[in-house]
Amino acid sequence: MAQRVGFEPEQLREAMKDPAVEAELQANITLGGRIGVRGTPAFIIGGRLVPGAIDLDQMRSLIAAARQS
């Protein structure tokens, strides 16, 4: 998969060993837990947590509603 998007797999594996990467992942996991994210995907639209996959029409509708409030 890494190669398909232009990354060299071995370079990616090395980069992933960087403690800063682990720290960023842990910070995101902690934040997600604090705001109630329990899985992926999840979206925050207009201050509202929207868990799970949504289609484009749903996304547009939620964004439009958030813009009106």
N, C-alpha and C. Protein backbone atom coordinates (compact mmCIF):
# COMPACT_ATOMS: atom_id res chain seq x y z
N MET A 1 0.83 -1.18 0.00
CA MET A 1 0.00 0.00 0.00
C MET A 1 0.88 1.25 0.00
N ALA A 2 1.95 1.23 0.78
CA ALA A 2 2.83 2.39 0.85
C ALA A 2 3.39 2.72 -0.53
N GLN A 3 3.80 1.71 -1.24
CA GLN A 3 4.35 1.93 -2.58
C GLN A 3 3.32 2.53 -3.52
N ARG A 4 2.09 2.11 -3.42
CA ARG A 4 1.04 2.63 -4.31
C ARG A 4 0.83 4.13 -4.14
N VAL A 5 1.09 4.65 -2.95
CA VAL A 5 0.92 6.08 -2.73
C VAL A 5 2.24 6.84 -2.74
N GLY A 6 3.31 6.17 -3.17
CA GLY A 6 4.58 6.85 -3.38
C GLY A 6 5.58 6.79 -2.25
N PHE A 7 5.36 5.96 -1.25
CA PHE A 7 6.33 5.81 -0.16
C PHE A 7 7.13 4.53 -0.34
N GLU A 8 8.36 4.58 0.10
CA GLU A 8 9.17 3.37 0.14
C GLU A 8 8.88 2.67 1.46
N PRO A 9 8.46 1.40 1.41
CA PRO A 9 8.06 0.71 2.64
C PRO A 9 9.12 0.71 3.74
N GLU A 10 10.37 0.50 3.39
CA GLU A 10 11.41 0.45 4.42
C GLU A 10 11.61 1.83 5.06
N GLN A 11 11.57 2.88 4.27
CA GLN A 11 11.69 4.23 4.84
C GLN A 11 10.50 4.53 5.75
N LEU A 12 9.34 4.08 5.36
CA LEU A 12 8.15 4.29 6.18
C LEU A 12 8.27 3.55 7.51
N ARG A 13 8.74 2.30 7.45
CA ARG A 13 8.93 1.53 8.69
C ARG A 13 9.90 2.24 9.63
N GLU A 14 10.98 2.79 9.08
CA GLU A 14 11.95 3.50 9.90
C GLU A 14 11.34 4.76 10.50
N ALA A 15 10.62 5.51 9.69
CA ALA A 15 10.00 6.76 10.17
C ALA A 15 9.02 6.47 11.30
N MET A 16 8.34 5.33 11.22
CA MET A 16 7.34 4.98 12.23
C MET A 16 7.97 4.67 13.58
N LYS A 17 9.28 4.43 13.60
CA LYS A 17 9.99 4.15 14.86
C LYS A 17 10.31 5.42 15.64
N ASP A 18 10.13 6.57 15.01
CA ASP A 18 10.42 7.85 15.65
C ASP A 18 9.51 8.04 16.86
N PRO A 19 10.07 8.32 18.03
CA PRO A 19 9.23 8.53 19.22
C PRO A 19 8.21 9.65 19.04
N ALA A 20 8.49 10.63 18.20
CA ALA A 20 7.54 11.72 17.97
C ALA A 20 6.27 11.19 17.30
N VAL A 21 6.42 10.19 16.45
CA VAL A 21 5.25 9.59 15.79
C VAL A 21 4.38 8.90 16.83
N GLU A 22 5.00 8.12 17.68
CA GLU A 22 4.25 7.43 18.74
C GLU A 22 3.57 8.44 19.67
N ALA A 23 4.26 9.51 20.01
CA ALA A 23 3.69 10.53 20.89
C ALA A 23 2.47 11.18 20.23
N GLU A 24 2.56 11.47 18.95
CA GLU A 24 1.44 12.09 18.24
C GLU A 24 0.24 11.14 18.19
N LEU A 25 0.51 9.87 17.91
CA LEU A 25 -0.58 8.88 17.88
C LEU A 25 -1.25 8.78 19.25
N GLN A 26 -0.45 8.73 20.30
CA GLN A 26 -1.02 8.63 21.65
C GLN A 26 -1.83 9.88 22.00
N ALA A 27 -1.36 11.05 21.60
CA ALA A 27 -2.10 12.28 21.86
C ALA A 27 -3.45 12.25 21.14
N ASN A 28 -3.46 11.76 19.91
CA ASN A 28 -4.72 11.66 19.16
C ASN A 28 -5.67 10.65 19.78
N ILE A 29 -5.14 9.54 20.24
CA ILE A 29 -5.98 8.53 20.89
C ILE A 29 -6.58 9.09 22.18
N THR A 30 -5.78 9.80 22.95
CA THR A 30 -6.25 10.41 24.19
C THR A 30 -7.35 11.44 23.91
N LEU A 31 -7.10 12.31 22.96
CA LEU A 31 -8.09 13.33 22.60
C LEU A 31 -9.38 12.68 22.12
N GLY A 32 -9.25 11.68 21.26
CA GLY A 32 -10.44 10.98 20.76
C GLY A 32 -11.26 10.39 21.90
N GLY A 33 -10.59 9.79 22.86
CA GLY A 33 -11.28 9.22 24.01
C GLY A 33 -12.00 10.28 24.82
N ARG A 34 -11.37 11.43 24.97
CA ARG A 34 -11.97 12.51 25.75
C ARG A 34 -13.24 13.06 25.11
N ILE A 35 -13.27 13.07 23.79
CA ILE A 35 -14.45 13.64 23.12
C ILE A 35 -15.46 12.58 22.69
N GLY A 36 -15.17 11.33 23.00
CA GLY A 36 -16.15 10.28 22.76
C GLY A 36 -16.01 9.50 21.48
N VAL A 37 -14.90 9.67 20.77
CA VAL A 37 -14.68 8.88 19.56
C VAL A 37 -14.39 7.44 19.98
N ARG A 38 -15.14 6.52 19.44
CA ARG A 38 -14.98 5.11 19.79
C ARG A 38 -14.53 4.25 18.61
N GLY A 39 -14.34 4.87 17.46
CA GLY A 39 -13.91 4.12 16.29
C GLY A 39 -13.72 5.05 15.11
N THR A 40 -13.37 4.46 14.01
CA THR A 40 -13.18 5.25 12.79
C THR A 40 -14.08 4.69 11.71
N PRO A 41 -14.52 5.54 10.84
CA PRO A 41 -14.30 6.97 10.85
C PRO A 41 -15.19 7.66 11.87
N ALA A 42 -14.81 8.87 12.18
CA ALA A 42 -15.62 9.75 13.02
C ALA A 42 -15.35 11.17 12.55
N PHE A 43 -16.36 11.99 12.59
CA PHE A 43 -16.24 13.37 12.14
C PHE A 43 -16.77 14.29 13.22
N ILE A 44 -16.22 15.49 13.28
CA ILE A 44 -16.77 16.53 14.13
C ILE A 44 -17.21 17.63 13.17
N ILE A 45 -18.51 17.85 13.15
CA ILE A 45 -19.09 18.83 12.23
C ILE A 45 -19.90 19.81 13.06
N GLY A 46 -19.44 21.06 13.07
CA GLY A 46 -20.15 22.08 13.82
C GLY A 46 -20.24 21.78 15.31
N GLY A 47 -19.22 21.17 15.85
CA GLY A 47 -19.21 20.85 17.27
C GLY A 47 -19.94 19.57 17.61
N ARG A 48 -20.45 18.88 16.61
CA ARG A 48 -21.20 17.63 16.82
C ARG A 48 -20.35 16.43 16.40
N LEU A 49 -20.27 15.42 17.25
CA LEU A 49 -19.56 14.19 16.92
C LEU A 49 -20.46 13.31 16.07
N VAL A 50 -19.98 12.93 14.91
CA VAL A 50 -20.74 12.08 13.99
C VAL A 50 -19.94 10.78 13.82
N PRO A 51 -20.32 9.72 14.55
CA PRO A 51 -19.58 8.48 14.46
C PRO A 51 -19.98 7.66 13.22
N GLY A 52 -19.03 6.95 12.70
CA GLY A 52 -19.30 6.03 11.60
C GLY A 52 -19.25 6.68 10.23
N ALA A 53 -19.34 5.82 9.24
CA ALA A 53 -19.30 6.28 7.85
C ALA A 53 -20.61 6.96 7.48
N ILE A 54 -20.48 8.06 6.77
CA ILE A 54 -21.65 8.74 6.24
C ILE A 54 -21.41 9.02 4.76
N ASP A 55 -22.49 9.12 4.02
CA ASP A 55 -22.31 9.37 2.59
C ASP A 55 -22.19 10.87 2.33
N LEU A 56 -21.88 11.22 1.11
CA LEU A 56 -21.64 12.61 0.74
C LEU A 56 -22.85 13.49 1.00
N ASP A 57 -24.04 13.00 0.69
CA ASP A 57 -25.25 13.79 0.93
C ASP A 57 -25.44 14.07 2.42
N GLN A 58 -25.20 13.08 3.25
CA GLN A 58 -25.30 13.28 4.70
C GLN A 58 -24.27 14.31 5.16
N MET A 59 -23.05 14.20 4.65
CA MET A 59 -21.99 15.13 5.01
C MET A 59 -22.39 16.55 4.63
N ARG A 60 -22.88 16.72 3.43
CA ARG A 60 -23.30 18.05 2.97
C ARG A 60 -24.43 18.61 3.84
N SER A 61 -25.38 17.76 4.18
CA SER A 61 -26.50 18.19 4.99
C SER A 61 -26.05 18.62 6.39
N LEU A 62 -25.17 17.85 6.99
CA LEU A 62 -24.67 18.19 8.33
C LEU A 62 -23.86 19.49 8.29
N ILE A 63 -23.08 19.68 7.26
CA ILE A 63 -22.29 20.91 7.13
C ILE A 63 -23.21 22.11 6.94
N ALA A 64 -24.21 21.95 6.08
CA ALA A 64 -25.16 23.05 5.85
C ALA A 64 -25.87 23.41 7.15
N ALA A 65 -26.30 22.42 7.90
CA ALA A 65 -26.98 22.69 9.17
C ALA A 65 -26.04 23.39 10.16
N ALA A 66 -24.80 22.95 10.20
CA ALA A 66 -23.83 23.57 11.10
C ALA A 66 -23.57 25.02 10.72
N ARG A 67 -23.55 25.31 9.46
CA ARG A 67 -23.31 26.68 8.99
C ARG A 67 -24.47 27.60 9.34
N GLN A 68 -25.68 27.05 9.43
CA GLN A 68 -26.85 27.86 9.75
C GLN A 68 -26.98 28.14 11.24
N SER A 69 -26.35 27.35 12.05
CA SER A 69 -26.50 27.55 13.50
C SER A 69 -25.45 28.46 14.08
